[in-house]
C-alpha atoms as a PDB file:
ATOM      1  CA  ASP A   1     161.295  92.311  80.488  1.00  0.00           C
ATOM      2  CA  LYS A   2     163.076  95.154  78.762  1.00  0.00           C
ATOM      3  CA  GLY A   3     164.924  93.930  75.685  1.00  0.00           C
ATOM      4  CA  LYS A   4     163.653  90.364  76.012  1.00  0.00           C
ATOM      5  CA  LEU A   5     161.371  88.487  73.641  1.00  0.00           C
ATOM      6  CA  GLY A   6     159.462  85.606  75.215  1.00  0.00           C
ATOM      7  CA  TRP A   7     156.485  83.312  74.890  1.00  0.00           C
ATOM      8  CA  SER A   8     154.573  84.336  78.010  1.00  0.00           C
ATOM      9  CA  ALA A   9     152.489  87.442  78.611  1.00  0.00           C
ATOM     10  CA  PRO A  10     154.069  90.014  80.940  1.00  0.00           C
ATOM     11  CA  THR A  11     152.882  90.327  84.519  1.00  0.00           C
ATOM     12  CA  VAL A  12     154.028  93.905  85.123  1.00  0.00           C
ATOM     13  CA  ALA A  13     151.195  96.373  85.721  1.00  0.00           C
ATOM     14  CA  THR A  14     152.788  99.288  83.857  1.00  0.00           C
ATOM     15  CA  ALA A  15     155.817  99.016  81.595  1.00  0.00           C
ATOM     16  CA  PHE A  16     156.919 100.531  78.315  1.00  0.00           C
ATOM     17  CA  ASP A  17     159.998 101.273  76.251  1.00  0.00           C
ATOM     18  CA  GLU A  18     160.526 104.767  74.908  1.00  0.00           C
ATOM     19  CA  TYR A  19     162.492 106.329  72.078  1.00  0.00           C
ATOM     20  CA  ILE A  20     162.619 109.622  70.207  1.00  0.00           C
ATOM     21  CA  SER A  21     161.923 109.572  66.477  1.00  0.00           C
ATOM     22  CA  ASP A  22     163.443 112.463  64.534  1.00  0.00           C
ATOM     23  CA  PRO A  23     162.398 112.903  60.865  1.00  0.00           C
ATOM     24  CA  ALA A  24     165.679 114.747  60.306  1.00  0.00           C
ATOM     25  CA  LYS A  25     167.609 111.589  61.272  1.00  0.00           C
ATOM     26  CA  PRO A  26     165.566 108.665  59.929  1.00  0.00           C
ATOM     27  CA  VAL A  27     166.540 105.018  60.325  1.00  0.00           C
ATOM     28  CA  PRO A  28     167.846 103.878  56.916  1.00  0.00           C
ATOM     29  CA  PHE A  29     166.959 100.544  55.362  1.00  0.00           C
ATOM     30  CA  THR A  30     170.623  99.659  54.853  1.00  0.00           C
ATOM     31  CA  ALA A  31     173.980 100.737  56.211  1.00  0.00           C
ATOM     32  CA  GLU A  32     175.355 101.083  52.698  1.00  0.00           C
ATOM     33  CA  ILE A  33     175.149 104.252  50.653  1.00  0.00           C
ATOM     34  CA  SER A  34     173.113 103.376  47.585  1.00  0.00           C
ATOM     35  CA  THR A  35     171.373 105.182  44.751  1.00  0.00           C
ATOM     36  CA  GLY A  36     168.894 102.325  44.350  1.00  0.00           C
ATOM     37  CA  VAL A  37     167.365  99.488  46.331  1.00  0.00           C
ATOM     38  CA  PRO A  38     169.818  96.553  46.334  1.00  0.00           C
ATOM     39  CA  GLN A  39     168.107  93.183  46.592  1.00  0.00           C
ATOM     40  CA  GLU A  40     170.434  92.245  49.444  1.00  0.00           C
ATOM     41  CA  TYR A  41     168.517  94.541  51.818  1.00  0.00           C
ATOM     42  CA  MET A  42     165.859  91.830  52.183  1.00  0.00           C
ATOM     43  CA  VAL A  43     168.372  89.669  54.069  1.00  0.00           C
ATOM     44  CA  GLY A  44     170.616  92.529  55.151  1.00  0.00           C
ATOM     45  CA  ASP A  45     172.546  92.727  58.402  1.00  0.00           C
ATOM     46  CA  GLN A  46     170.592  94.845  60.893  1.00  0.00           C
ATOM     47  CA  ARG A  47     173.402  95.426  63.386  1.00  0.00           C
ATOM     48  CA  PHE A  48     173.700  99.005  62.190  1.00  0.00           C
ATOM     49  CA  ALA A  49     170.091  99.601  63.285  1.00  0.00           C
ATOM     50  CA  SER A  50     170.184  97.716  66.577  1.00  0.00           C
ATOM     51  CA  THR A  51     172.802 100.121  67.953  1.00  0.00           C
ATOM     52  CA  ARG A  52     170.603 103.196  67.381  1.00  0.00           C
ATOM     53  CA  THR A  53     168.731 104.783  70.270  1.00  0.00           C
ATOM     54  CA  ASP A  54     165.616 105.199  68.084  1.00  0.00           C
ATOM     55  CA  VAL A  55     165.270 101.459  67.450  1.00  0.00           C
ATOM     56  CA  MET A  56     163.753  99.184  70.096  1.00  0.00           C
ATOM     57  CA  VAL A  57     165.371  95.741  70.176  1.00  0.00           C
ATOM     58  CA  TYR A  58     163.869  92.581  71.685  1.00  0.00           C
ATOM     59  CA  GLN A  59     165.347  89.087  71.389  1.00  0.00           C
ATOM     60  CA  THR A  60     164.842  85.580  72.723  1.00  0.00           C
ATOM     61  CA  GLU A  61     167.303  83.517  74.647  1.00  0.00           C
ATOM     62  CA  VAL A  62     169.514  81.249  72.541  1.00  0.00           C
ATOM     63  CA  LEU A  63     167.313  78.631  70.862  1.00  0.00           C
ATOM     64  CA  GLU A  64     167.982  75.093  72.104  1.00  0.00           C
ATOM     65  CA  GLU A  65     166.654  73.504  68.908  1.00  0.00           C
ATOM     66  CA  ASP A  66     165.529  74.486  65.420  1.00  0.00           C
ATOM     67  CA  MET A  67     162.303  76.504  65.319  1.00  0.00           C
ATOM     68  CA  THR A  68     160.219  77.098  62.200  1.00  0.00           C
ATOM     69  CA  LEU A  69     157.814  80.035  61.970  1.00  0.00           C
ATOM     70  CA  ALA A  70     155.259  79.849  59.174  1.00  0.00           C
ATOM     71  CA  GLY A  71     152.259  81.730  57.812  1.00  0.00           C
ATOM     72  CA  PRO A  72     151.179  85.308  58.535  1.00  0.00           C
ATOM     73  CA  LEU A  73     153.087  87.500  60.954  1.00  0.00           C
ATOM     74  CA  SER A  74     150.656  89.736  62.816  1.00  0.00           C
ATOM     75  CA  PRO A  75     152.064  92.479  65.055  1.00  0.00           C
ATOM     76  CA  ARG A  76     149.743  93.417  67.912  1.00  0.00           C
ATOM     77  CA  LEU A  77     151.264  96.562  69.373  1.00  0.00           C
ATOM     78  CA  PHE A  78     150.202  98.947  72.103  1.00  0.00           C
ATOM     79  CA  VAL A  79     151.798 102.315  71.436  1.00  0.00           C
ATOM     80  CA  SER A  80     151.557 106.003  72.157  1.00  0.00           C
ATOM     81  CA  THR A  81     153.192 109.060  70.618  1.00  0.00           C
ATOM     82  CA  SER A  82     153.678 112.694  71.535  1.00  0.00           C
ATOM     83  CA  GLY A  83     152.807 113.559  67.929  1.00  0.00           C
ATOM     84  CA  THR A  84     149.562 113.280  66.002  1.00  0.00           C
ATOM     85  CA  ASP A  85     150.807 110.778  63.408  1.00  0.00           C
ATOM     86  CA  SER A  86     153.627 108.231  63.448  1.00  0.00           C
ATOM     87  CA  ASP A  87     154.880 105.205  61.586  1.00  0.00           C
ATOM     88  CA  PHE A  88     155.716 101.967  63.373  1.00  0.00           C
ATOM     89  CA  VAL A  89     157.998  99.568  61.529  1.00  0.00           C
ATOM     90  CA  VAL A  90     158.353  95.983  62.753  1.00  0.00           C
ATOM     91  CA  LYS A  91     161.267  93.803  61.666  1.00  0.00           C
ATOM     92  CA  VAL A  92     161.752  90.095  62.424  1.00  0.00           C
ATOM     93  CA  ILE A  93     165.417  89.104  62.466  1.00  0.00           C
ATOM     94  CA  ASP A  94     167.476  85.897  62.656  1.00  0.00           C
ATOM     95  CA  VAL A  95     170.460  86.505  64.952  1.00  0.00           C
ATOM     96  CA  TYR A  96     173.442  84.252  64.240  1.00  0.00           C
ATOM     97  CA  PRO A  97     175.656  82.932  67.057  1.00  0.00           C
ATOM     98  CA  PRO A  98     178.666  85.009  68.160  1.00  0.00           C
ATOM     99  CA  GLU A  99     180.907  82.278  66.722  1.00  0.00           C
ATOM    100  CA  TYR A 100     180.112  81.345  63.138  1.00  0.00           C
ATOM    101  CA  PRO A 101     182.210  80.413  60.059  1.00  0.00           C
ATOM    102  CA  GLU A 102     182.982  83.232  57.659  1.00  0.00           C
ATOM    103  CA  ARG A 103     181.877  82.933  54.051  1.00  0.00           C
ATOM    104  CA  GLU A 104     183.671  83.918  50.874  1.00  0.00           C
ATOM    105  CA  VAL A 105     181.925  86.773  49.064  1.00  0.00           C
ATOM    106  CA  THR A 106     182.783  87.917  45.547  1.00  0.00           C
ATOM    107  CA  PRO A 107     182.201  90.782  45.445  1.00  0.00           C
ATOM    108  CA  PRO A 108     181.471  91.686  49.088  1.00  0.00           C
ATOM    109  CA  VAL A 109     177.793  92.635  49.419  1.00  0.00           C
ATOM    110  CA  ALA A 110     177.206  93.049  53.148  1.00  0.00           C
ATOM    111  CA  PRO A 111     177.817  96.133  55.268  1.00  0.00           C
ATOM    112  CA  VAL A 112     179.767  94.105  57.847  1.00  0.00           C
ATOM    113  CA  LYS A 113     182.806  92.508  56.220  1.00  0.00           C
ATOM    114  CA  ASP A 114     186.534  92.069  56.496  1.00  0.00           C
ATOM    115  CA  PRO A 115     187.965  94.186  53.650  1.00  0.00           C
ATOM    116  CA  LEU A 116     191.331  92.394  53.820  1.00  0.00           C
ATOM    117  CA  SER A 117     190.022  88.914  53.130  1.00  0.00           C
ATOM    118  CA  ALA A 118     186.755  89.745  51.345  1.00  0.00           C
ATOM    119  CA  ARG A 119     184.909  87.424  53.696  1.00  0.00           C
ATOM    120  CA  LEU A 120     181.399  88.036  54.951  1.00  0.00           C
ATOM    121  CA  VAL A 121     181.467  88.153  58.744  1.00  0.00           C
ATOM    122  CA  MET A 122     178.560  85.944  59.796  1.00  0.00           C
ATOM    123  CA  ALA A 123     179.333  85.818  63.521  1.00  0.00           C
ATOM    124  CA  GLY A 124     176.557  87.810  65.194  1.00  0.00           C
ATOM    125  CA  TYR A 125     174.909  88.573  61.848  1.00  0.00           C
ATOM    126  CA  GLN A 126     171.366  89.955  62.246  1.00  0.00           C
ATOM    127  CA  GLN A 127     169.611  88.731  59.119  1.00  0.00           C
ATOM    128  CA  LEU A 128     166.423  90.533  58.174  1.00  0.00           C
ATOM    129  CA  VAL A 129     163.685  87.944  57.635  1.00  0.00           C
ATOM    130  CA  ARG A 130     160.609  90.168  57.350  1.00  0.00           C
ATOM    131  CA  GLY A 131     159.924  93.864  57.758  1.00  0.00           C
ATOM    132  CA  GLU A 132     156.774  95.937  57.377  1.00  0.00           C
ATOM    133  CA  PRO A 133     155.768  99.532  58.139  1.00  0.00           C
ATOM    134  CA  MET A 134     152.400 100.697  59.441  1.00  0.00           C
ATOM    135  CA  ARG A 135     151.367 104.336  59.058  1.00  0.00           C
ATOM    136  CA  GLY A 136     149.569 105.070  62.301  1.00  0.00           C
ATOM    137  CA  LYS A 137     146.901 107.375  60.877  1.00  0.00           C
ATOM    138  CA  PHE A 138     145.480 104.348  59.037  1.00  0.00           C
ATOM    139  CA  ARG A 139     145.259 102.123  62.128  1.00  0.00           C
ATOM    140  CA  HIS A 140     141.454 102.052  61.987  1.00  0.00           C
ATOM    141  CA  SER A 141     140.843 102.402  58.265  1.00  0.00           C
ATOM    142  CA  PHE A 142     142.762 103.097  55.070  1.00  0.00           C
ATOM    143  CA  GLU A 143     139.801 105.170  53.850  1.00  0.00           C
ATOM    144  CA  LYS A 144     139.550 107.522  56.829  1.00  0.00           C
ATOM    145  CA  PRO A 145     142.853 108.495  58.480  1.00  0.00           C
ATOM    146  CA  VAL A 146     142.611 109.477  62.137  1.00  0.00           C
ATOM    147  CA  PRO A 147     145.156 111.484  64.165  1.00  0.00           C
ATOM    148  CA  PHE A 148     146.683 110.216  67.367  1.00  0.00           C
ATOM    149  CA  VAL A 149     145.822 111.924  70.630  1.00  0.00           C
ATOM    150  CA  PRO A 150     149.253 112.734  72.091  1.00  0.00           C
ATOM    151  CA  GLY A 151     150.080 110.401  74.961  1.00  0.00           C
ATOM    152  CA  LYS A 152     147.019 108.179  74.510  1.00  0.00           C
ATOM    153  CA  ILE A 153     147.707 104.437  74.360  1.00  0.00           C
ATOM    154  CA  GLU A 154     146.368 102.891  71.150  1.00  0.00           C
ATOM    155  CA  ALA A 155     146.220  99.367  69.740  1.00  0.00           C
ATOM    156  CA  LEU A 156     148.070  99.007  66.443  1.00  0.00           C
ATOM    157  CA  ASN A 157     147.256  95.767  64.624  1.00  0.00           C
ATOM    158  CA  PHE A 158     148.422  94.858  61.131  1.00  0.00           C
ATOM    159  CA  ASN A 159     149.725  91.976  59.032  1.00  0.00           C
ATOM    160  CA  MET A 160     153.179  91.433  57.608  1.00  0.00           C
ATOM    161  CA  PRO A 161     154.023  89.221  54.596  1.00  0.00           C
ATOM    162  CA  ASP A 162     153.845  85.493  55.315  1.00  0.00           C
ATOM    163  CA  ILE A 163     156.909  83.714  56.618  1.00  0.00           C
ATOM    164  CA  ASN A 164     158.417  80.250  56.291  1.00  0.00           C
ATOM    165  CA  HIS A 165     161.752  80.449  58.030  1.00  0.00           C
ATOM    166  CA  THR A 166     163.683  78.117  60.316  1.00  0.00           C
ATOM    167  CA  PHE A 167     165.698  79.718  63.082  1.00  0.00           C
ATOM    168  CA  ARG A 168     168.503  77.256  63.762  1.00  0.00           C
ATOM    169  CA  ARG A 169     169.605  75.925  67.117  1.00  0.00           C
ATOM    170  CA  GLY A 170     172.054  78.371  68.676  1.00  0.00           C
ATOM    171  CA  HIS A 171     170.434  81.371  66.958  1.00  0.00           C
ATOM    172  CA  ARG A 172     168.078  83.930  68.490  1.00  0.00           C
ATOM    173  CA  ILE A 173     164.854  85.509  67.249  1.00  0.00           C
ATOM    174  CA  MET A 174     164.924  89.299  67.327  1.00  0.00           C
ATOM    175  CA  VAL A 175     162.237  91.923  66.792  1.00  0.00           C
ATOM    176  CA  GLN A 176     163.082  95.554  66.094  1.00  0.00           C
ATOM    177  CA  VAL A 177     160.543  98.382  66.297  1.00  0.00           C
ATOM    178  CA  GLN A 178     161.275 101.806  64.827  1.00  0.00           C
ATOM    179  CA  SER A 179     159.398 104.771  63.354  1.00  0.00           C
ATOM    180  CA  SER A 180     161.186 105.339  60.054  1.00  0.00           C
ATOM    181  CA  TRP A 181     162.643 103.146  57.303  1.00  0.00           C
ATOM    182  CA  PHE A 182     164.068 105.569  54.797  1.00  0.00           C
ATOM    183  CA  PRO A 183     163.768 105.689  51.832  1.00  0.00           C
ATOM    184  CA  LEU A 184     161.667 102.525  51.564  1.00  0.00           C
ATOM    185  CA  THR A 185     158.996 104.503  53.395  1.00  0.00           C
ATOM    186  CA  ASP A 186     158.608 108.232  52.841  1.00  0.00           C
ATOM    187  CA  LEU A 187     159.241 110.439  55.856  1.00  0.00           C
ATOM    188  CA  ASN A 188     156.311 110.828  58.206  1.00  0.00           C
ATOM    189  CA  PRO A 189     156.353 114.398  59.594  1.00  0.00           C
ATOM    190  CA  GLN A 190     154.730 113.010  62.763  1.00  0.00           C
ATOM    191  CA  SER A 191     152.097 115.702  62.446  1.00  0.00           C
ATOM    192  CA  PHE A 192     148.661 114.856  61.103  1.00  0.00           C
ATOM    193  CA  VAL A 193     148.874 116.410  57.652  1.00  0.00           C
ATOM    194  CA  ARG A 194     148.669 115.289  54.036  1.00  0.00           C
ATOM    195  CA  ILE A 195     152.280 114.262  53.646  1.00  0.00           C
ATOM    196  CA  PRO A 196     152.663 115.431  50.004  1.00  0.00           C
ATOM    197  CA  GLU A 197     151.654 118.898  51.222  1.00  0.00           C
ATOM    198  CA  ALA A 198     153.795 118.913  54.380  1.00  0.00           C
ATOM    199  CA  VAL A 199     156.077 121.908  54.955  1.00  0.00           C
ATOM    200  CA  ALA A 200     159.261 122.049  57.010  1.00  0.00           C
ATOM    201  CA  GLU A 201     157.427 123.157  60.168  1.00  0.00           C
ATOM    202  CA  ASP A 202     155.275 120.014  60.088  1.00  0.00           C
ATOM    203  CA  PHE A 203     158.277 117.723  60.609  1.00  0.00           C
ATOM    204  CA  VAL A 204     158.741 117.337  64.359  1.00  0.00           C
ATOM    205  CA  LYS A 205     160.446 114.972  66.782  1.00  0.00           C
ATOM    206  CA  ALA A 206     158.115 112.599  68.607  1.00  0.00           C
ATOM    207  CA  THR A 207     158.474 110.514  71.738  1.00  0.00           C
ATOM    208  CA  GLN A 208     157.264 106.984  70.987  1.00  0.00           C
ATOM    209  CA  ARG A 209     156.322 104.371  73.547  1.00  0.00           C
ATOM    210  CA  VAL A 210     155.877 100.631  73.055  1.00  0.00           C
ATOM    211  CA  TYR A 211     153.968  99.049  75.950  1.00  0.00           C
ATOM    212  CA  ARG A 212     154.704  95.635  77.479  1.00  0.00           C
ATOM    213  CA  SER A 213     152.414  95.422  80.490  1.00  0.00           C
ATOM    214  CA  THR A 214     149.467  93.311  81.614  1.00  0.00           C
ATOM    215  CA  GLY A 215     146.505  93.971  79.328  1.00  0.00           C
ATOM    216  CA  GLN A 216     148.673  96.059  77.002  1.00  0.00           C
ATOM    217  CA  ALA A 217     151.283  93.541  75.953  1.00  0.00           C
ATOM    218  CA  SER A 218     152.817  94.228  72.556  1.00  0.00           C
ATOM    219  CA  ALA A 219     153.361  90.982  70.667  1.00  0.00           C
ATOM    220  CA  ILE A 220     153.533  89.236  67.302  1.00  0.00           C
ATOM    221  CA  GLU A 221     151.172  86.390  66.451  1.00  0.00           C
ATOM    222  CA  VAL A 222     152.661  83.624  64.316  1.00  0.00           C
ATOM    223  CA  LEU A 223     152.349  79.866  63.797  1.00  0.00           C
ATOM    224  CA  VAL A 224     155.219  77.806  65.229  1.00  0.00           C
ATOM    225  CA  LEU A 225     155.699  74.571  63.264  1.00  0.00           C
ATOM    226  CA  GLY A 226     158.789  73.198  64.958  1.00  0.00           C
ATOM    227  CA  GLY A 227     160.826  73.625  68.104  1.00  0.00           C
ATOM    228  CA  THR A 228     159.863  74.117  71.724  1.00  0.00           C
ATOM    229  CA  LYS A 229     159.307  77.231  73.756  1.00  0.00           C
END
């Protein structure tokens, strides 16, 4: 279903989620304004991204017991684009319960905080666990980039860094899919060009689709060590 992350394959014949990716308004890697790459981004709160219309959000129901995911994370996406090249970024996120104790922070490091008490607001926190971009032109080979055919559904398979993370009872598992992650990933013009040589006219908006239908079910493969489905 739309917005839901589950353990069973979908039974809908044709279904997809759609968003518009605009290189002029990329999804940032953090809500903070920074001149560098703060280490905190690796566990940063993703609520700023989940409210954007160019980020697809999927999450499980509330977990009834602890669940440990371990080993490689392998996105298996079915996508299409109106452009001829596109990035697809997958993020795996630990969503904290809506009621959760606050934590003292000195100095405050998170984008969501109470400035009066200098406490980190953990209720509803969306902790980044893993994130990885895939440049679509390299979906078949890193040696020979291939353009997308606009509107054609393509399989996009890649591997993310290994994981060993326990999602606690009462939390949710979330997956976000987006097409930019600036400036961790350079801007993809969404036209099939050599990006270092791209000119302003090459940077175009693209309509992206992520499919969730029978035979074209986007998913992530991972080993579950603990917990029940």
